[in-house]
C-alpha atoms as a PDB file:
ATOM      1  CA  MET A   1       5.899   5.418  18.078  1.00  0.00           C
ATOM      2  CA  SER A   2       5.901   8.682  19.974  1.00  0.00           C
ATOM      3  CA  ASP A   3       8.969   7.569  21.934  1.00  0.00           C
ATOM      4  CA  GLU A   4      10.765   6.485  18.769  1.00  0.00           C
ATOM      5  CA  HIS A   5      10.151   9.773  16.959  1.00  0.00           C
ATOM      6  CA  LEU A   6      11.405  11.755  19.934  1.00  0.00           C
ATOM      7  CA  ALA A   7      14.485   9.535  20.296  1.00  0.00           C
ATOM      8  CA  ALA A   8      15.256   9.980  16.596  1.00  0.00           C
ATOM      9  CA  ALA A   9      14.905  13.760  16.904  1.00  0.00           C
ATOM     10  CA  ARG A  10      17.299  13.802  19.856  1.00  0.00           C
ATOM     11  CA  SER A  11      19.800  11.531  18.094  1.00  0.00           C
ATOM     12  CA  LEU A  12      19.925  13.771  15.050  1.00  0.00           C
ATOM     13  CA  VAL A  13      20.524  16.845  17.210  1.00  0.00           C
ATOM     14  CA  GLU A  14      23.253  15.042  19.156  1.00  0.00           C
ATOM     15  CA  ALA A  15      24.897  14.142  15.847  1.00  0.00           C
ATOM     16  CA  GLY A  16      24.777  17.780  14.734  1.00  0.00           C
ATOM     17  CA  LEU A  17      22.202  17.020  12.039  1.00  0.00           C
ATOM     18  CA  PRO A  18      19.165  19.061  13.079  1.00  0.00           C
ATOM     19  CA  GLY A  19      17.411  19.045   9.672  1.00  0.00           C
ATOM     20  CA  VAL A  20      14.261  17.023  10.341  1.00  0.00           C
ATOM     21  CA  SER A  21      14.523  16.967  14.139  1.00  0.00           C
ATOM     22  CA  PRO A  22      11.714  19.496  14.678  1.00  0.00           C
ATOM     23  CA  TYR A  23       9.502  17.480  12.344  1.00  0.00           C
ATOM     24  CA  LEU A  24      10.185  14.278  14.286  1.00  0.00           C
ATOM     25  CA  ALA A  25       9.651  15.996  17.638  1.00  0.00           C
ATOM     26  CA  GLY A  26       6.304  17.328  16.410  1.00  0.00           C
ATOM     27  CA  LEU A  27       5.403  13.905  15.084  1.00  0.00           C
ATOM     28  CA  SER A  28       6.048  12.620  18.590  1.00  0.00           C
ATOM     29  CA  VAL A  29       3.361  14.990  19.901  1.00  0.00           C
ATOM     30  CA  GLU A  30       0.984  13.969  17.123  1.00  0.00           C
ATOM     31  CA  CYS A  31       1.448  10.277  17.941  1.00  0.00           C
ATOM     32  CA  ALA A  32       0.968  10.935  21.652  1.00  0.00           C
ATOM     33  CA  LEU A  33      -2.332  12.731  21.024  1.00  0.00           C
ATOM     34  CA  LYS A  34      -3.454   9.971  18.686  1.00  0.00           C
ATOM     35  CA  ALA A  35      -2.658   7.390  21.372  1.00  0.00           C
ATOM     36  CA  VAL A  36      -5.043   9.209  23.714  1.00  0.00           C
ATOM     37  CA  ILE A  37      -7.692   9.276  20.973  1.00  0.00           C
ATOM     38  CA  ALA A  38      -7.209   5.562  20.285  1.00  0.00           C
ATOM     39  CA  ARG A  39      -8.041   4.774  23.900  1.00  0.00           C
ATOM     40  CA  GLN A  40     -11.605   5.806  23.058  1.00  0.00           C
ATOM     41  CA  PHE A  41     -11.922   2.909  20.602  1.00  0.00           C
ATOM     42  CA  GLU A  42     -13.666  -0.138  22.011  1.00  0.00           C
ATOM     43  CA  ALA A  43     -12.858  -3.693  21.013  1.00  0.00           C
ATOM     44  CA  GLU A  44     -15.271  -5.366  18.651  1.00  0.00           C
ATOM     45  CA  THR A  45     -17.150  -2.143  17.855  1.00  0.00           C
ATOM     46  CA  TRP A  46     -16.939   0.347  15.039  1.00  0.00           C
ATOM     47  CA  PRO A  47     -15.288   3.520  16.313  1.00  0.00           C
ATOM     48  CA  PRO A  48     -17.181   6.763  15.788  1.00  0.00           C
ATOM     49  CA  LYS A  49     -16.617   8.114  12.295  1.00  0.00           C
ATOM     50  CA  HIS A  50     -15.392  11.514  13.513  1.00  0.00           C
ATOM     51  CA  LEU A  51     -12.626   9.825  15.528  1.00  0.00           C
ATOM     52  CA  VAL A  52     -11.493   7.714  12.603  1.00  0.00           C
ATOM     53  CA  ARG A  53     -11.408  10.725  10.280  1.00  0.00           C
ATOM     54  CA  GLY A  54      -9.729  12.789  12.974  1.00  0.00           C
ATOM     55  CA  MET A  55      -6.847  10.345  13.144  1.00  0.00           C
ATOM     56  CA  PHE A  56      -5.724  11.780   9.795  1.00  0.00           C
ATOM     57  CA  GLU A  57      -5.434  15.307  11.237  1.00  0.00           C
ATOM     58  CA  HIS A  58      -2.088  16.949  11.833  1.00  0.00           C
ATOM     59  CA  ASP A  59      -3.378  19.990  13.730  1.00  0.00           C
ATOM     60  CA  PHE A  60      -2.516  19.704  17.430  1.00  0.00           C
ATOM     61  CA  SER A  61      -5.512  21.755  18.604  1.00  0.00           C
ATOM     62  CA  LYS A  62      -7.944  19.591  16.630  1.00  0.00           C
ATOM     63  CA  LEU A  63      -6.264  16.414  17.863  1.00  0.00           C
ATOM     64  CA  ARG A  64      -6.355  17.742  21.432  1.00  0.00           C
ATOM     65  CA  ALA A  65     -10.107  18.284  21.072  1.00  0.00           C
ATOM     66  CA  LEU A  66     -10.630  14.771  19.673  1.00  0.00           C
ATOM     67  CA  ALA A  67      -8.605  13.416  22.589  1.00  0.00           C
ATOM     68  CA  LYS A  68     -11.040  15.237  24.898  1.00  0.00           C
ATOM     69  CA  LEU A  69      -8.191  17.135  26.528  1.00  0.00           C
ATOM     70  CA  ASP A  70      -9.360  20.699  25.958  1.00  0.00           C
ATOM     71  CA  ASP A  71     -10.561  21.236  29.539  1.00  0.00           C
ATOM     72  CA  GLU A  72      -7.368  19.806  31.026  1.00  0.00           C
ATOM     73  CA  TRP A  73      -5.290  21.827  28.561  1.00  0.00           C
ATOM     74  CA  ALA A  74      -7.082  25.066  29.471  1.00  0.00           C
ATOM     75  CA  LEU A  75      -6.433  24.457  33.161  1.00  0.00           C
ATOM     76  CA  GLU A  76      -2.738  23.703  32.557  1.00  0.00           C
ATOM     77  CA  ASP A  77      -2.415  26.656  30.197  1.00  0.00           C
ATOM     78  CA  ARG A  78      -3.854  29.045  32.796  1.00  0.00           C
ATOM     79  CA  SER A  79      -1.848  27.719  35.728  1.00  0.00           C
ATOM     80  CA  ASN A  80       1.527  26.877  34.180  1.00  0.00           C
ATOM     81  CA  PRO A  81       3.342  29.587  32.170  1.00  0.00           C
ATOM     82  CA  ALA A  82       6.175  27.202  31.229  1.00  0.00           C
ATOM     83  CA  PHE A  83       3.676  24.728  29.755  1.00  0.00           C
ATOM     84  CA  ARG A  84       1.962  27.600  27.924  1.00  0.00           C
ATOM     85  CA  ARG A  85       5.301  28.545  26.312  1.00  0.00           C
ATOM     86  CA  SER A  86       5.916  24.914  25.344  1.00  0.00           C
ATOM     87  CA  TRP A  87       2.479  24.584  23.758  1.00  0.00           C
ATOM     88  CA  ARG A  88       2.902  27.825  21.836  1.00  0.00           C
ATOM     89  CA  ALA A  89       6.286  26.671  20.582  1.00  0.00           C
ATOM     90  CA  ILE A  90       4.926  23.408  19.202  1.00  0.00           C
ATOM     91  CA  THR A  91       1.923  25.015  17.501  1.00  0.00           C
ATOM     92  CA  ARG A  92       4.279  26.451  14.872  1.00  0.00           C
ATOM     93  CA  TRP A  93       4.865  22.843  13.750  1.00  0.00           C
ATOM     94  CA  SER A  94       3.295  21.472  10.622  1.00  0.00           C
ATOM     95  CA  VAL A  95       3.597  18.216   8.796  1.00  0.00           C
ATOM     96  CA  ASP A  96       5.416  20.181   6.079  1.00  0.00           C
ATOM     97  CA  ALA A  97       8.309  20.752   8.514  1.00  0.00           C
ATOM     98  CA  ARG A  98       9.924  17.678   7.021  1.00  0.00           C
ATOM     99  CA  TYR A  99      10.766  19.795   3.967  1.00  0.00           C
ATOM    100  CA  SER A 100      12.329  22.659   5.920  1.00  0.00           C
ATOM    101  CA  ALA A 101      15.907  23.200   6.948  1.00  0.00           C
ATOM    102  CA  CYS A 102      16.527  24.425  10.471  1.00  0.00           C
ATOM    103  CA  GLN A 103      19.305  25.573  12.708  1.00  0.00           C
ATOM    104  CA  LEU A 104      20.541  23.497  15.622  1.00  0.00           C
ATOM    105  CA  SER A 105      19.077  25.985  18.114  1.00  0.00           C
ATOM    106  CA  GLU A 106      15.616  25.686  16.516  1.00  0.00           C
ATOM    107  CA  ALA A 107      15.738  21.903  16.784  1.00  0.00           C
ATOM    108  CA  GLU A 108      16.885  22.067  20.401  1.00  0.00           C
ATOM    109  CA  ASP A 109      14.080  24.517  21.239  1.00  0.00           C
ATOM    110  CA  MET A 110      11.460  22.259  19.675  1.00  0.00           C
ATOM    111  CA  ILE A 111      12.738  19.189  21.511  1.00  0.00           C
ATOM    112  CA  GLU A 112      12.743  21.168  24.761  1.00  0.00           C
ATOM    113  CA  ALA A 113       9.130  22.290  24.216  1.00  0.00           C
ATOM    114  CA  VAL A 114       8.072  18.737  23.436  1.00  0.00           C
ATOM    115  CA  ALA A 115      10.040  16.742  25.987  1.00  0.00           C
ATOM    116  CA  SER A 116      11.073  18.842  28.976  1.00  0.00           C
ATOM    117  CA  GLU A 117      10.013  17.567  32.379  1.00  0.00           C
ATOM    118  CA  PRO A 118       7.613  18.565  33.815  1.00  0.00           C
ATOM    119  CA  ASN A 119       6.488  21.363  31.470  1.00  0.00           C
ATOM    120  CA  GLY A 120       6.858  19.822  28.039  1.00  0.00           C
ATOM    121  CA  VAL A 121       3.855  18.992  25.942  1.00  0.00           C
ATOM    122  CA  ARG A 122       4.577  15.282  25.625  1.00  0.00           C
ATOM    123  CA  PRO A 123       4.944  14.593  29.369  1.00  0.00           C
ATOM    124  CA  TRP A 124       1.651  16.424  29.852  1.00  0.00           C
ATOM    125  CA  ILE A 125      -0.094  14.277  27.211  1.00  0.00           C
ATOM    126  CA  ALA A 126       1.422  11.113  28.694  1.00  0.00           C
ATOM    127  CA  ARG A 127      -0.571  11.720  31.876  1.00  0.00           C
ATOM    128  CA  PHE A 128      -3.686  10.789  29.881  1.00  0.00           C
ATOM    129  CA  TRP A 129      -2.429   7.636  28.089  1.00  0.00           C
END
C-alpha cells in the first residue's frame, strides 16, 4: 500500500492537482512504518497488545518507536543532514492533511522528502522491511 499511496501522490502532482498529494505521501510513510511493525507479528500467536493498538497511530515518531527504529533513526539523523531535513519535513504531516488545500510546491516538497533517493524517509524505512 505504501507504493500505491506514493504513486497516487505523484500522479496527482503530475496532473497539476496537488490537493491531497501531501496526505497520500505521508500515508505512504505511515504504511511503510506499519509494514516494519507488522514484521514483528508471528504466525499463529497473538501479537503484543501494544503493537496492535499502535497500528492505529498516525504519529510518525510513535510508529518509528513501535517499529524499533529509534536507534537507527538517531544514527541516520546525526550523520545525514539531508535525511534530517526530510524527516523534519514529513513530521508536519497529520492525518488531517486530507482536509487541507496545498500549493503545487508544497506537494512536490513533501513527495521529495518522502521519496528522494537516497535521503528520503521512505527509502530509509524500506531498508528495514
